[in-house]
Protein backbone atom coordinates (compact mmCIF):
# COMPACT_ATOMS: atom_id res chain seq x y z
CA UNK A 1 23.95 -4.68 9.68
CA UNK A 2 26.10 -7.70 10.61
CA UNK A 3 28.70 -8.00 13.34
CA UNK A 4 31.72 -7.63 11.05
CA UNK A 5 30.46 -4.34 9.65
CA UNK A 6 30.26 -2.95 13.18
CA UNK A 7 33.98 -3.43 13.82
CA UNK A 8 34.91 -0.08 12.26
CA UNK A 9 31.57 1.73 12.47
CA UNK A 10 32.99 4.54 14.55
CA UNK A 11 36.52 4.51 13.25
CA UNK A 12 37.74 2.55 16.25
CA UNK A 13 38.93 -1.07 16.37
CA UNK A 14 36.41 -3.21 18.22
CA UNK A 15 36.71 -6.79 19.28
CA UNK A 16 34.06 -9.31 18.35
CA UNK A 17 33.41 -9.85 22.08
CA UNK A 18 32.77 -6.14 22.58
CA UNK A 19 30.29 -6.07 19.75
CA UNK A 20 28.50 -9.21 20.93
CA UNK A 21 28.09 -7.68 24.37
CA UNK A 22 26.19 -4.76 22.87
CA UNK A 23 22.53 -5.74 22.66
CA UNK A 24 20.55 -3.96 19.98
CA UNK A 25 16.79 -4.38 19.86
CA UNK A 26 15.46 -5.69 16.55
CA UNK A 27 12.73 -3.07 16.72
CA UNK A 28 15.33 -0.34 17.02
CA UNK A 29 17.17 -1.73 14.02
CA UNK A 30 13.95 -1.66 12.02
CA UNK A 31 13.29 1.93 12.96
CA UNK A 32 16.83 2.91 12.04
CA UNK A 33 16.58 1.14 8.71
CA UNK A 34 13.45 3.06 7.87
CA UNK A 35 15.08 6.35 8.79
CA UNK A 36 18.21 5.70 6.74
CA UNK A 37 16.47 4.22 3.70
CA UNK A 38 16.51 5.97 0.36
CA UNK A 39 13.51 8.25 -0.16
CA UNK A 40 11.40 7.68 -3.23
CA UNK A 41 10.67 10.53 -5.58
CA UNK A 42 7.56 12.47 -4.55
CA UNK A 43 5.52 13.71 -7.50
CA UNK A 44 4.01 17.14 -7.68
CA UNK A 45 0.58 17.35 -6.08
CA UNK A 46 -1.69 19.69 -8.01
CA UNK A 47 -4.76 18.89 -5.88
CA UNK A 48 -5.78 20.50 -2.62
CA UNK A 49 -5.76 17.59 -0.16
CA UNK A 50 -8.95 16.99 1.77
CA UNK A 51 -8.03 13.65 3.33
CA UNK A 52 -5.19 12.91 5.72
CA UNK A 53 -5.85 9.24 6.40
CA UNK A 54 -7.64 6.14 5.12
CA UNK A 55 -9.38 3.38 7.06
CA UNK A 56 -9.82 0.44 4.74
CA UNK A 57 -12.25 -2.25 5.86
CA UNK A 58 -11.23 -5.22 3.77
CA UNK A 59 -14.07 -7.76 3.56
CA UNK A 60 -11.77 -10.67 2.82
CA UNK A 61 -13.46 -13.30 0.69
CA UNK A 62 -15.94 -10.99 -1.04
CA UNK A 63 -19.44 -10.40 0.38
CA UNK A 64 -22.62 -10.65 -1.65
CA UNK A 65 -23.66 -7.26 -3.04
CA UNK A 66 -27.31 -8.38 -3.05
CA UNK A 67 -27.16 -9.22 0.66
CA UNK A 68 -25.40 -6.00 1.70
CA UNK A 69 -25.56 -2.73 -0.23
CA UNK A 70 -27.54 -3.59 -3.38
CA UNK A 71 -30.63 -5.61 -2.39
CA UNK A 72 -32.86 -6.96 -5.17
CA UNK A 73 -36.15 -8.15 -3.62
CA UNK A 74 -37.89 -7.95 -6.98
CA UNK A 75 -35.56 -10.57 -8.46
CA UNK A 76 -37.28 -13.31 -6.50
CA UNK A 77 -36.30 -15.92 -3.94
CA UNK A 78 -33.67 -17.56 -6.12
CA UNK A 79 -31.70 -14.30 -5.99
CA UNK A 80 -32.46 -12.65 -2.66
CA UNK A 81 -33.32 -15.75 -0.62
CA UNK A 82 -34.83 -14.99 2.79
CA UNK A 83 -33.35 -11.45 2.82
CA UNK A 84 -36.25 -9.95 0.89
CA UNK A 85 -37.15 -6.96 3.02
CA UNK A 86 -34.62 -4.15 2.34
CA UNK A 87 -34.17 -1.43 4.93
CA UNK A 88 -34.98 2.18 4.13
CA UNK A 89 -32.15 4.44 5.25
CA UNK A 90 -32.16 8.07 6.35
CA UNK A 91 -31.45 8.98 2.71
CA UNK A 92 -34.49 8.88 0.44
CA UNK A 93 -34.24 6.17 -2.22
CA UNK A 94 -31.26 4.38 -0.64
CA UNK A 95 -31.98 0.90 0.67
CA UNK A 96 -29.58 -1.60 2.20
CA UNK A 97 -29.81 -5.02 3.83
CA UNK A 98 -32.44 -5.46 6.51
CA UNK A 99 -29.67 -6.77 8.76
CA UNK A 100 -27.91 -3.37 8.93
CA UNK A 101 -30.25 -0.99 10.80
CA UNK A 102 -27.48 1.08 12.40
CA UNK A 103 -25.86 1.83 9.06
CA UNK A 104 -29.33 2.77 7.84
CA UNK A 105 -29.28 5.63 10.34
CA UNK A 106 -25.87 6.83 9.07
CA UNK A 107 -26.46 6.72 5.29
CA UNK A 108 -26.06 10.47 4.97
CA UNK A 109 -22.41 9.99 5.96
CA UNK A 110 -21.47 7.52 3.20
CA UNK A 111 -22.03 6.84 -0.48
CA UNK A 112 -22.54 3.49 -2.16
CA UNK A 113 -20.87 2.47 -5.40
CA UNK A 114 -23.10 -0.21 -6.87
CA UNK A 115 -21.29 -0.63 -10.18
CA UNK A 116 -17.79 -1.75 -9.20
CA UNK A 117 -16.45 -4.12 -11.84
CA UNK A 118 -13.40 -6.05 -13.02
CA UNK A 119 -12.77 -9.20 -15.00
CA UNK A 120 -11.57 -11.63 -12.33
CA UNK A 121 -13.39 -14.28 -10.30
CA UNK A 122 -10.29 -15.56 -8.51
CA UNK A 123 -9.41 -14.34 -5.01
CA UNK A 124 -5.75 -13.67 -5.79
CA UNK A 125 -6.15 -11.64 -8.98
CA UNK A 126 -9.33 -9.90 -7.82
CA UNK A 127 -7.77 -8.84 -4.51
CA UNK A 128 -4.72 -7.58 -6.36
CA UNK A 129 -6.86 -5.51 -8.74
CA UNK A 130 -9.02 -3.96 -6.01
CA UNK A 131 -6.06 -3.23 -3.72
CA UNK A 132 -3.65 -1.85 -6.35
CA UNK A 133 -5.82 -0.49 -9.17
CA UNK A 134 -3.82 -2.60 -11.64
CA UNK A 135 -4.51 -5.80 -13.53
CA UNK A 136 -2.64 -8.91 -12.52
CA UNK A 137 -1.78 -9.38 -16.20
CA UNK A 138 0.86 -6.66 -15.94
CA UNK A 139 4.39 -7.99 -15.58
CA UNK A 140 5.12 -5.69 -12.61
CA UNK A 141 3.97 -6.42 -9.07
CA UNK A 142 2.40 -3.10 -8.10
CA UNK A 143 2.09 -1.92 -4.50
CA UNK A 144 -1.24 -1.71 -2.71
CA UNK A 145 -2.85 1.66 -2.11
CA UNK A 146 -1.73 1.41 1.52
CA UNK A 147 1.92 1.15 0.49
CA UNK A 148 1.52 4.05 -1.97
CA UNK A 149 0.01 6.25 0.73
CA UNK A 150 2.74 5.11 3.11
CA UNK A 151 5.33 6.34 0.62
CA UNK A 152 3.81 9.66 -0.43
CA UNK A 153 2.29 10.59 2.93
CA UNK A 154 4.60 8.68 5.22
CA UNK A 155 8.32 8.76 5.90
CA UNK A 156 9.21 10.22 2.50
CA UNK A 157 6.89 13.15 3.16
CA UNK A 158 8.40 14.01 6.54
CA UNK A 159 6.15 11.77 8.63
CA UNK A 160 7.43 11.78 12.21
CA UNK A 161 4.78 9.72 13.98
CA UNK A 162 5.90 7.20 16.55
CA UNK A 163 3.74 4.53 14.93
CA UNK A 164 4.37 3.29 11.36
CA UNK A 165 2.29 5.13 8.74
CA UNK A 166 0.72 1.90 7.38
CA UNK A 167 -0.83 -0.56 9.84
CA UNK A 168 -2.90 -3.71 9.31
CA UNK A 169 -5.26 -4.99 11.99
CA UNK A 170 -4.68 -7.82 12.73
CA UNK A 171 -3.54 -10.38 10.14
CA UNK A 172 -1.69 -10.01 6.86
CA UNK A 173 -4.17 -9.75 4.02
CA UNK A 174 -2.53 -12.49 2.01
CA UNK A 175 -3.18 -13.23 -1.66
CA UNK A 176 -0.68 -10.57 -2.77
CA UNK A 177 2.35 -8.57 -1.63
CA UNK A 178 1.17 -5.30 -0.11
CA UNK A 179 4.42 -3.46 -0.87
CA UNK A 180 4.90 -4.82 -4.40
CA UNK A 181 7.97 -3.52 -6.19
CA UNK A 182 8.41 -0.75 -3.57
CA UNK A 183 9.98 -3.30 -1.24
CA UNK A 184 9.77 -3.95 2.52
CA UNK A 185 10.32 -0.33 3.54
CA UNK A 186 6.67 0.31 2.62
CA UNK A 187 5.20 -2.92 3.95
CA UNK A 188 2.53 -2.56 6.62
CA UNK A 189 3.08 -3.13 10.31
CA UNK A 190 0.95 -6.21 11.11
CA UNK A 191 -0.36 -6.02 14.66
CA UNK A 192 -1.30 -9.64 15.22
CA UNK A 193 -3.17 -10.27 18.44
CA UNK A 194 -6.87 -9.75 19.14
CA UNK A 195 -8.10 -6.27 20.14
CA UNK A 196 -11.11 -7.85 21.86
CA UNK A 197 -8.75 -9.38 24.42
CA UNK A 198 -7.04 -7.61 27.29
CA UNK A 199 -4.24 -6.96 26.70
CA UNK A 200 -4.27 -6.51 22.94
CA UNK A 201 -1.06 -8.46 22.27
CA UNK A 202 0.41 -6.36 19.46
CA UNK A 203 3.48 -8.03 17.94
CA UNK A 204 6.71 -6.48 19.16
CA UNK A 205 4.91 -4.16 21.57
CA UNK A 206 2.83 -6.23 23.98
CA UNK A 207 4.03 -9.69 24.98
CA UNK A 208 1.69 -12.13 26.68
CA UNK A 209 2.91 -12.90 30.18
CA UNK A 210 5.51 -10.11 30.25
CA UNK A 211 4.58 -7.18 32.47
CA UNK A 212 5.67 -3.58 31.94
CA UNK A 213 7.81 -3.91 35.07
CA UNK A 214 9.66 -6.86 33.59
CA UNK A 215 10.11 -5.00 30.28
CA UNK A 216 11.61 -2.06 32.18
CA UNK A 217 13.96 -4.40 34.02
CA UNK A 218 15.04 -5.91 30.69
CA UNK A 219 15.83 -2.44 29.40
CA UNK A 220 17.91 -1.68 32.48
CA UNK A 221 19.81 -4.94 32.00
CA UNK A 222 20.45 -4.04 28.36
CA UNK A 223 21.96 -0.73 29.39
CA UNK A 224 24.08 -2.36 32.07
CA UNK A 225 25.52 -4.74 29.47
CA UNK A 226 26.29 -1.93 27.05
CA UNK A 227 30.05 -1.53 27.13
CA UNK A 228 30.35 -0.50 23.50
CA UNK A 229 29.42 3.10 24.10
CA UNK A 230 31.96 3.35 26.91
CA UNK A 231 34.62 1.76 24.70
CA UNK A 232 34.36 4.16 21.76
CA UNK A 233 32.98 7.34 23.32
CA UNK A 234 30.99 9.75 21.21
CA UNK A 235 29.82 8.26 17.91
CA UNK A 236 27.05 9.54 15.58
CA UNK A 237 26.10 6.03 14.50
CA UNK A 238 25.67 4.76 18.04
CA UNK A 239 23.75 7.92 18.88
CA UNK A 240 21.33 7.01 16.10
CA UNK A 241 21.06 3.47 17.46
CA UNK A 242 20.30 4.87 20.91
CA UNK A 243 17.59 7.04 19.39
CA UNK A 244 16.09 3.99 17.73
CA UNK A 245 16.21 2.08 21.01
CA UNK A 246 14.37 4.91 22.77
CA UNK A 247 11.69 4.94 20.09
CA UNK A 248 11.35 1.17 20.36
CA UNK A 249 10.77 1.41 24.10
CA UNK A 250 8.38 4.30 23.59
CA UNK A 251 6.40 1.79 21.55
CA UNK A 252 6.65 -0.89 24.23
CA UNK A 253 6.26 1.12 27.43
CA UNK A 254 5.20 4.60 26.37
CA UNK A 255 2.74 6.39 24.10
CA UNK A 256 2.89 3.77 21.36
CA UNK A 257 1.61 1.03 23.63
CA UNK A 258 -1.08 3.31 25.04
CA UNK A 259 -2.65 3.70 21.59
CA UNK A 260 -3.36 -0.03 21.52
CA UNK A 261 -4.65 -0.13 25.11
CA UNK A 262 -8.36 -0.03 24.37
CA UNK A 263 -9.26 -0.26 28.05
CA UNK A 264 -8.61 3.49 28.18
CA UNK A 265 -11.79 4.01 26.15
CA UNK A 266 -14.09 2.74 28.88
CA UNK A 267 -16.78 0.09 28.77
CA UNK A 268 -19.50 2.22 27.18
CA UNK A 269 -17.44 3.04 24.09
CA UNK A 270 -16.16 -0.50 23.72
CA UNK A 271 -19.69 -1.86 23.98
CA UNK A 272 -20.85 0.68 21.38
CA UNK A 273 -18.41 -0.71 18.82
CA UNK A 274 -19.09 -4.31 19.78
CA UNK A 275 -17.08 -6.65 21.98
CA UNK A 276 -15.65 -8.69 19.15
CA UNK A 277 -12.46 -8.60 17.09
CA UNK A 278 -13.94 -6.51 14.27
CA UNK A 279 -15.68 -4.02 16.53
CA UNK A 280 -12.56 -3.46 18.60
CA UNK A 281 -10.44 -3.23 15.44
CA UNK A 282 -12.66 -0.34 14.30
CA UNK A 283 -12.15 1.34 17.66
CA UNK A 284 -8.39 0.81 17.40
CA UNK A 285 -8.47 2.29 13.89
CA UNK A 286 -10.08 5.47 15.18
CA UNK A 287 -7.37 5.75 17.84
CA UNK A 288 -4.68 5.24 15.20
CA UNK A 289 -6.13 8.02 13.05
CA UNK A 290 -6.00 10.30 16.07
CA UNK A 291 -2.29 9.52 16.32
CA UNK A 292 -1.68 10.52 12.71
CA UNK A 293 -1.35 7.06 11.13
CA UNK A 294 -1.92 7.48 7.39
CA UNK A 295 -3.41 4.15 6.29
CA UNK A 296 -5.11 1.52 8.44
CA UNK A 297 -6.46 -1.71 7.00
CA UNK A 298 -8.83 -3.90 9.00
CA UNK A 299 -8.57 -7.38 7.55
CA UNK A 300 -12.12 -8.59 8.23
CA UNK A 301 -12.25 -12.25 7.23
CA UNK A 302 -15.08 -14.72 6.73
CA UNK A 303 -16.98 -13.52 3.64
CA UNK A 304 -16.23 -16.41 1.28
CA UNK A 305 -19.74 -17.88 1.48
CA UNK A 306 -19.76 -20.78 -0.97
CA UNK A 307 -21.93 -22.63 1.53
CA UNK A 308 -24.60 -21.46 3.97
CA UNK A 309 -24.44 -17.89 2.75
CA UNK A 310 -27.51 -16.67 4.61
CA UNK A 311 -26.51 -18.23 7.91
CA UNK A 312 -23.21 -16.38 7.61
CA UNK A 313 -24.95 -13.11 6.72
CA UNK A 314 -27.20 -13.32 9.78
CA UNK A 315 -24.11 -13.69 11.95
CA UNK A 316 -21.68 -11.26 10.32
CA UNK A 317 -23.85 -8.42 9.04
CA UNK A 318 -25.12 -7.33 12.48
CA UNK A 319 -21.51 -7.38 13.70
CA UNK A 320 -20.34 -5.25 10.77
CA UNK A 321 -23.37 -2.98 11.02
CA UNK A 322 -22.78 -2.13 14.66
CA UNK A 323 -19.06 -1.47 14.37
CA UNK A 324 -19.00 0.40 11.06
CA UNK A 325 -21.90 2.64 12.07
CA UNK A 326 -20.17 3.41 15.37
CA UNK A 327 -16.93 4.22 13.55
CA UNK A 328 -18.63 6.65 11.16
CA UNK A 329 -20.55 8.36 13.94
CA UNK A 330 -17.50 8.50 16.24
CA UNK A 331 -15.24 9.97 13.54
CA UNK A 332 -17.90 12.54 12.64
CA UNK A 333 -18.47 13.61 16.26
CA UNK A 334 -14.73 14.15 16.74
CA UNK A 335 -14.35 16.17 13.54
CA UNK A 336 -12.22 13.43 11.96
CA UNK A 337 -14.53 12.13 9.24
CA UNK A 338 -13.96 15.13 6.99
CA UNK A 339 -10.26 14.26 6.84
CA UNK A 340 -10.51 10.45 6.98
CA UNK A 341 -11.59 8.27 4.08
CA UNK A 342 -13.47 5.15 5.14
CA UNK A 343 -13.45 2.53 2.38
CA UNK A 344 -15.35 -0.74 2.81
CA UNK A 345 -15.11 -3.41 0.10
CA UNK A 346 -14.20 -6.97 -0.74
CA UNK A 347 -12.39 -8.24 -3.80
CA UNK A 348 -15.63 -9.03 -5.65
CA UNK A 349 -19.31 -9.82 -5.10
CA UNK A 350 -21.07 -13.17 -5.08
CA UNK A 351 -23.15 -14.95 -7.70
CA UNK A 352 -26.54 -13.21 -7.81
CA UNK A 353 -28.40 -16.47 -8.25
CA UNK A 354 -28.26 -18.55 -5.09
CA UNK A 355 -26.71 -21.99 -5.46
CA UNK A 356 -29.31 -24.04 -3.61
CA UNK A 357 -28.14 -27.35 -5.02
CA UNK A 358 -25.73 -29.74 -3.28
CA UNK A 359 -23.04 -29.36 -2.13
CA UNK A 360 -23.54 -25.59 -1.76
CA UNK A 361 -26.81 -25.65 0.17
CA UNK A 362 -27.69 -22.01 -0.33
CA UNK A 363 -24.26 -20.59 -1.09
CA UNK A 364 -22.96 -18.02 -3.54
CA UNK A 365 -19.90 -18.21 -5.77
CA UNK A 366 -17.43 -15.53 -6.91
CA UNK A 367 -18.68 -12.63 -9.05
CA UNK A 368 -16.41 -9.88 -10.37
CA UNK A 369 -18.76 -8.52 -13.05
CA UNK A 370 -20.50 -6.20 -10.58
CA UNK A 371 -20.21 -5.59 -6.83
CA UNK A 372 -20.55 -2.81 -4.29
CA UNK A 373 -18.23 -0.61 -2.25
CA UNK A 374 -18.91 1.95 0.48
CA UNK A 375 -16.93 5.18 0.77
CA UNK A 376 -17.20 7.97 3.29
CA UNK A 377 -15.32 11.01 4.51
CA UNK A 378 -12.10 12.64 3.41
CA UNK A 379 -13.83 14.63 0.67
CA UNK A 380 -16.33 11.97 -0.45
CA UNK A 381 -19.88 13.29 -0.15
CA UNK A 382 -22.36 11.16 1.75
CA UNK A 383 -25.89 10.15 0.90
CA UNK A 384 -25.31 9.28 -2.76
CA UNK A 385 -25.49 6.19 -4.95
CA UNK A 386 -23.00 5.86 -7.80
CA UNK A 387 -23.90 3.57 -10.67
CA UNK A 388 -26.34 0.69 -10.75
CA UNK A 389 -26.53 -3.01 -11.43
CA UNK A 390 -29.28 -4.59 -13.48
CA UNK A 391 -32.53 -5.99 -12.05
CA UNK A 392 -30.88 -9.20 -10.86
CA UNK A 393 -27.49 -7.80 -9.89
CA UNK A 394 -25.75 -9.71 -12.66
CA UNK A 395 -24.27 -6.92 -14.79
CA UNK A 396 -23.45 -3.24 -14.55
CA UNK A 397 -26.43 -1.27 -15.80
CA UNK A 398 -25.11 2.26 -15.37
CA UNK A 399 -21.81 4.04 -14.71
CA UNK A 400 -19.20 1.25 -14.40
CA UNK A 401 -16.45 1.95 -11.84
CA UNK A 402 -13.12 0.13 -12.00
CA UNK A 403 -10.81 -0.35 -8.99
CA UNK A 404 -8.44 2.09 -10.70
CA UNK A 405 -11.19 4.74 -10.81
CA UNK A 406 -11.91 4.39 -7.10
CA UNK A 407 -8.28 4.26 -5.96
CA UNK A 408 -7.38 7.17 -8.22
CA UNK A 409 -10.21 9.18 -6.66
CA UNK A 410 -8.89 8.45 -3.18
CA UNK A 411 -5.37 9.45 -4.22
CA UNK A 412 -6.69 12.79 -5.46
CA UNK A 413 -8.46 13.46 -2.17
CA UNK A 414 -5.21 12.65 -0.37
CA UNK A 415 -3.33 15.12 -2.56
CA UNK A 416 -1.56 12.45 -4.62
CA UNK A 417 -1.70 12.90 -8.38
CA UNK A 418 -2.62 9.49 -9.90
CA UNK A 419 -1.49 10.60 -13.36
CA UNK A 420 2.09 11.39 -12.41
CA UNK A 421 4.84 8.88 -13.23
CA UNK A 422 5.43 6.42 -10.43
CA UNK A 423 9.05 5.85 -9.36
CA UNK A 424 10.30 2.46 -10.49
CA UNK A 425 13.91 1.45 -11.06
CA UNK A 426 13.24 -0.07 -14.48
CA UNK A 427 10.50 2.17 -15.82
CA UNK A 428 10.05 5.86 -14.98
CA UNK A 429 6.72 5.98 -16.80
CA UNK A 430 4.85 3.58 -14.50
CA UNK A 431 1.48 5.01 -13.48
CA UNK A 432 0.01 5.05 -9.98
CA UNK A 433 -3.24 3.69 -11.36
CA UNK A 434 -4.01 1.74 -14.49
CA UNK A 435 -5.73 3.45 -17.40
CA UNK A 436 -8.56 0.91 -17.38
CA UNK A 437 -10.95 3.10 -19.36
CA UNK A 438 -9.63 1.50 -22.55
CA UNK A 439 -10.50 -2.02 -21.35
CA UNK A 440 -13.62 -1.46 -19.26
CA UNK A 441 -14.95 1.72 -20.88
CA UNK A 442 -15.44 3.43 -17.53
CA UNK A 443 -16.14 7.17 -17.27
CA UNK A 444 -13.24 7.59 -14.85
CA UNK A 445 -12.90 8.98 -11.35
CA UNK A 446 -15.80 9.63 -9.01
CA UNK A 447 -16.24 13.36 -9.61
CA UNK A 448 -19.95 13.15 -8.76
CA UNK A 449 -19.21 12.46 -5.08
CA UNK A 450 -15.90 14.32 -4.68
């Protein structure tokens, strides 16, 4: 809303000076815009929802499936390198990387999909496919699953949480537009900051070097400068702005800020998750689920291992192992895992055969033909393996699973019908997920673990 449009907002003539003297927080304006935006059509939901929220752990760059959830020691050194001693988990017949002992103790809580597949080896198009369930060849720019959940389970479904329904910790995922053709109303709230630092400087909520006392004094000054309300008296529009301002300050000084204050968890819990950005992001995600946030993405970077793959694995896998295992155990102990889907995946796998030659020096390239994903909670049964790759991890051997199959399965567990038409201004027949069975010959959704 610009200044000129405010002149007659309440049916009273206002001077430009009066308007300029009325300070309106940008956060409040954002909240108001979301409340007044047009609601998208909500399709019928024929499924009994089991999940209320999703925590997506996005392994940005694409980790090696052979080095994580689909080890192949029998393929030889040129394929498995020094990671040739897979770990037996607490589920008979399920083995994972030797560098993930804590997840080995929690295998009964999750299932592994070892036959994920699509036809892209480029970060941009692969990330788009895995995040949206649609091929980048389509002329439309589809929204990510987070934006879809934000629409159907967020504001348009009567969501009244103080925090936005779709949050990304801590950096924008990049490579694609999360909201797609749905527009900015369904874009995620990007926290910024580093949850391993104190304070966790969440954008728009916590400002480095600005104390709560100073924030409160700024609010008092804002109210003292507000002559607009006195000039026009009672006005529904200004009442709505005041409501938005209160909600903004509730985020800055009240319950909203407290959610991101991880010091309230105590040292033992923070140490359990790991005192690093990923570990503390997992802890923050659990706190956000407790507050009713519908979709949380942890953008976990650093998996694009063209060079020194095994050095990177020895550094990152223990970090991921500790935090993800703690998250699963913590959610389960609080009774939240049964209603929270945990989805861990990158955009593709890595070349099964190690590239020992220069300049790669033991790296792995991009590999979309087959890769692995982990799913847990929210109606997904734990302790199962879906599909299989061949002996060297180069091709799908059994039960191919497309991104559309996996995302459609999650939608069903959330009570969203993937087969219903998706609201789009130019095409009412747009589907939530792509019918990839025709192209990839997949059996469809993951009924065996739902």
